[in-house]
């Protein structure tokens, strides 16, 4: 597994998801993110909470203030 210290930009996960599925260009973003999380092993050590660990999600929720 992998451990992420801090937060990750949403785009980084989307880029990984698109690399994993290059032929599926129309795959929705919400499907790419879980694929990237699993591939990177971000949920192997403990559950990966997107609302807490993806930068844009935390900003939308106001959790950083």
N, C-alpha and C. Protein backbone atom coordinates (compact mmCIF):
# COMPACT_ATOMS: atom_id res chain seq x y z
N UNK A 1 0.83 -1.19 0.00
CA UNK A 1 0.00 0.00 0.00
C UNK A 1 0.86 1.24 0.00
N UNK A 2 0.20 2.34 -0.05
CA UNK A 2 0.85 3.64 -0.03
C UNK A 2 0.22 4.49 1.05
N UNK A 3 0.99 5.43 1.54
CA UNK A 3 0.45 6.36 2.52
C UNK A 3 0.60 7.77 1.95
N UNK A 4 -0.46 8.52 2.02
CA UNK A 4 -0.46 9.90 1.56
C UNK A 4 -0.38 10.79 2.79
N UNK A 5 0.64 11.62 2.85
CA UNK A 5 0.77 12.57 3.94
C UNK A 5 0.24 13.90 3.43
N UNK A 6 -0.85 14.34 3.99
CA UNK A 6 -1.46 15.58 3.55
C UNK A 6 -2.59 15.31 2.58
N UNK A 7 -2.73 16.17 1.60
CA UNK A 7 -3.83 16.10 0.66
C UNK A 7 -3.31 15.92 -0.76
N UNK A 8 -4.20 15.49 -1.64
CA UNK A 8 -3.84 15.27 -3.04
C UNK A 8 -4.81 16.05 -3.93
N UNK A 9 -4.32 16.69 -4.97
CA UNK A 9 -5.22 17.37 -5.90
C UNK A 9 -6.06 16.35 -6.67
N UNK A 10 -7.30 16.68 -6.91
CA UNK A 10 -8.23 15.82 -7.64
C UNK A 10 -7.67 15.46 -9.02
N UNK A 11 -7.05 16.43 -9.65
CA UNK A 11 -6.51 16.20 -11.00
C UNK A 11 -5.47 15.09 -11.03
N UNK A 12 -4.67 14.99 -9.98
CA UNK A 12 -3.65 13.94 -9.93
C UNK A 12 -4.30 12.56 -9.95
N UNK A 13 -5.38 12.39 -9.20
CA UNK A 13 -6.08 11.11 -9.21
C UNK A 13 -6.76 10.86 -10.55
N UNK A 14 -7.31 11.91 -11.15
CA UNK A 14 -7.95 11.75 -12.46
C UNK A 14 -6.92 11.37 -13.52
N UNK A 15 -5.72 11.94 -13.44
CA UNK A 15 -4.67 11.60 -14.39
C UNK A 15 -4.29 10.12 -14.28
N UNK A 16 -4.20 9.62 -13.06
CA UNK A 16 -3.88 8.20 -12.86
C UNK A 16 -5.02 7.34 -13.42
N UNK A 17 -6.25 7.71 -13.12
CA UNK A 17 -7.40 6.96 -13.62
C UNK A 17 -7.44 6.91 -15.14
N UNK A 18 -7.11 8.03 -15.77
CA UNK A 18 -7.11 8.08 -17.25
C UNK A 18 -5.98 7.25 -17.83
N UNK A 19 -4.86 7.19 -17.14
CA UNK A 19 -3.74 6.34 -17.61
C UNK A 19 -4.12 4.86 -17.52
N UNK A 20 -4.92 4.52 -16.51
CA UNK A 20 -5.35 3.14 -16.34
C UNK A 20 -6.39 2.73 -17.38
N UNK A 21 -7.16 3.69 -17.89
CA UNK A 21 -8.24 3.41 -18.85
C UNK A 21 -8.13 4.33 -20.06
N UNK A 22 -7.06 4.24 -20.84
CA UNK A 22 -6.88 5.16 -21.96
C UNK A 22 -7.94 5.00 -23.05
N UNK A 23 -8.48 3.81 -23.22
CA UNK A 23 -9.48 3.59 -24.28
C UNK A 23 -10.87 4.07 -23.86
N UNK A 24 -11.08 4.24 -22.57
CA UNK A 24 -12.39 4.66 -22.06
C UNK A 24 -12.40 6.16 -21.80
N UNK A 25 -12.24 6.95 -22.82
CA UNK A 25 -12.17 8.39 -22.68
C UNK A 25 -13.42 9.03 -22.12
N UNK A 26 -14.54 8.35 -22.21
CA UNK A 26 -15.79 8.92 -21.73
C UNK A 26 -16.19 8.38 -20.35
N UNK A 27 -15.27 7.71 -19.66
CA UNK A 27 -15.54 7.21 -18.32
C UNK A 27 -15.73 8.40 -17.37
N UNK A 28 -16.78 8.39 -16.56
CA UNK A 28 -17.03 9.55 -15.67
C UNK A 28 -15.93 9.69 -14.62
N UNK A 29 -15.70 10.93 -14.24
CA UNK A 29 -14.64 11.22 -13.27
C UNK A 29 -14.86 10.48 -11.96
N UNK A 30 -16.11 10.33 -11.54
CA UNK A 30 -16.40 9.64 -10.29
C UNK A 30 -16.03 8.17 -10.34
N UNK A 31 -15.88 7.61 -11.52
CA UNK A 31 -15.44 6.22 -11.66
C UNK A 31 -13.91 6.13 -11.71
N UNK A 32 -13.27 7.19 -12.20
CA UNK A 32 -11.80 7.18 -12.32
C UNK A 32 -11.11 7.31 -10.96
N UNK A 33 -11.68 8.10 -10.07
CA UNK A 33 -11.03 8.36 -8.79
C UNK A 33 -10.91 7.09 -7.94
N UNK A 34 -11.97 6.30 -7.76
CA UNK A 34 -11.80 5.06 -6.98
C UNK A 34 -10.79 4.09 -7.62
N UNK A 35 -10.75 4.06 -8.95
CA UNK A 35 -9.77 3.22 -9.64
C UNK A 35 -8.35 3.67 -9.30
N UNK A 36 -8.12 4.97 -9.31
CA UNK A 36 -6.79 5.51 -9.01
C UNK A 36 -6.42 5.25 -7.55
N UNK A 37 -7.37 5.42 -6.65
CA UNK A 37 -7.12 5.17 -5.23
C UNK A 37 -6.71 3.72 -5.01
N UNK A 38 -7.43 2.81 -5.64
CA UNK A 38 -7.11 1.38 -5.51
C UNK A 38 -5.76 1.06 -6.13
N UNK A 39 -5.49 1.59 -7.32
CA UNK A 39 -4.23 1.32 -8.01
C UNK A 39 -3.02 1.81 -7.20
N UNK A 40 -3.15 2.99 -6.63
CA UNK A 40 -2.06 3.57 -5.85
C UNK A 40 -1.95 2.95 -4.45
N UNK A 41 -2.94 2.17 -4.07
CA UNK A 41 -2.91 1.54 -2.75
C UNK A 41 -3.17 2.50 -1.61
N UNK A 42 -3.85 3.59 -1.90
CA UNK A 42 -4.09 4.61 -0.87
C UNK A 42 -5.07 4.15 0.19
N UNK A 43 -5.82 3.09 -0.09
CA UNK A 43 -6.77 2.58 0.89
C UNK A 43 -6.32 1.24 1.49
N UNK A 44 -5.07 0.87 1.27
CA UNK A 44 -4.57 -0.42 1.75
C UNK A 44 -4.27 -0.40 3.25
N UNK A 45 -3.81 0.71 3.76
CA UNK A 45 -3.45 0.79 5.17
C UNK A 45 -4.62 1.24 6.04
N UNK A 46 -5.43 2.12 5.52
CA UNK A 46 -6.65 2.56 6.19
C UNK A 46 -7.57 3.15 5.13
N UNK A 47 -8.85 3.25 5.42
CA UNK A 47 -9.77 3.76 4.41
C UNK A 47 -9.38 5.17 3.95
N UNK A 48 -9.45 5.37 2.65
CA UNK A 48 -9.14 6.68 2.05
C UNK A 48 -10.45 7.46 1.98
N UNK A 49 -10.53 8.56 2.70
CA UNK A 49 -11.73 9.39 2.73
C UNK A 49 -11.57 10.56 1.75
N UNK A 50 -12.20 10.48 0.57
CA UNK A 50 -12.03 11.54 -0.43
C UNK A 50 -12.39 12.94 0.10
N UNK A 51 -13.42 13.04 0.92
CA UNK A 51 -13.82 14.36 1.41
C UNK A 51 -12.77 14.97 2.33
N UNK A 52 -11.90 14.14 2.90
CA UNK A 52 -10.86 14.64 3.79
C UNK A 52 -9.49 14.72 3.12
N UNK A 53 -9.26 13.91 2.08
CA UNK A 53 -7.92 13.79 1.53
C UNK A 53 -7.74 14.42 0.15
N UNK A 54 -8.84 14.66 -0.57
CA UNK A 54 -8.75 15.32 -1.88
C UNK A 54 -8.94 16.81 -1.65
N UNK A 55 -7.97 17.58 -2.07
CA UNK A 55 -7.91 19.00 -1.77
C UNK A 55 -9.21 19.73 -2.13
N UNK A 56 -9.69 19.54 -3.33
CA UNK A 56 -10.87 20.28 -3.78
C UNK A 56 -12.13 19.90 -2.98
N UNK A 57 -12.22 18.65 -2.58
CA UNK A 57 -13.36 18.22 -1.77
C UNK A 57 -13.35 18.91 -0.41
N UNK A 58 -12.17 18.99 0.20
CA UNK A 58 -12.04 19.64 1.50
C UNK A 58 -12.33 21.14 1.39
N UNK A 59 -11.89 21.75 0.29
CA UNK A 59 -12.17 23.17 0.10
C UNK A 59 -13.66 23.42 -0.08
N UNK A 60 -14.34 22.55 -0.82
CA UNK A 60 -15.78 22.70 -1.02
C UNK A 60 -16.55 22.56 0.27
N UNK A 61 -16.06 21.69 1.17
CA UNK A 61 -16.75 21.44 2.44
C UNK A 61 -16.36 22.46 3.50
N UNK A 62 -15.32 23.23 3.25
CA UNK A 62 -14.86 24.20 4.23
C UNK A 62 -14.11 23.57 5.39
N UNK A 63 -13.61 22.35 5.23
CA UNK A 63 -12.93 21.65 6.31
C UNK A 63 -11.53 22.17 6.61
N UNK A 64 -11.00 23.01 5.77
CA UNK A 64 -9.63 23.49 5.98
C UNK A 64 -9.56 24.72 6.89
N UNK A 65 -10.68 25.30 7.16
CA UNK A 65 -10.69 26.55 7.96
C UNK A 65 -10.82 26.23 9.42
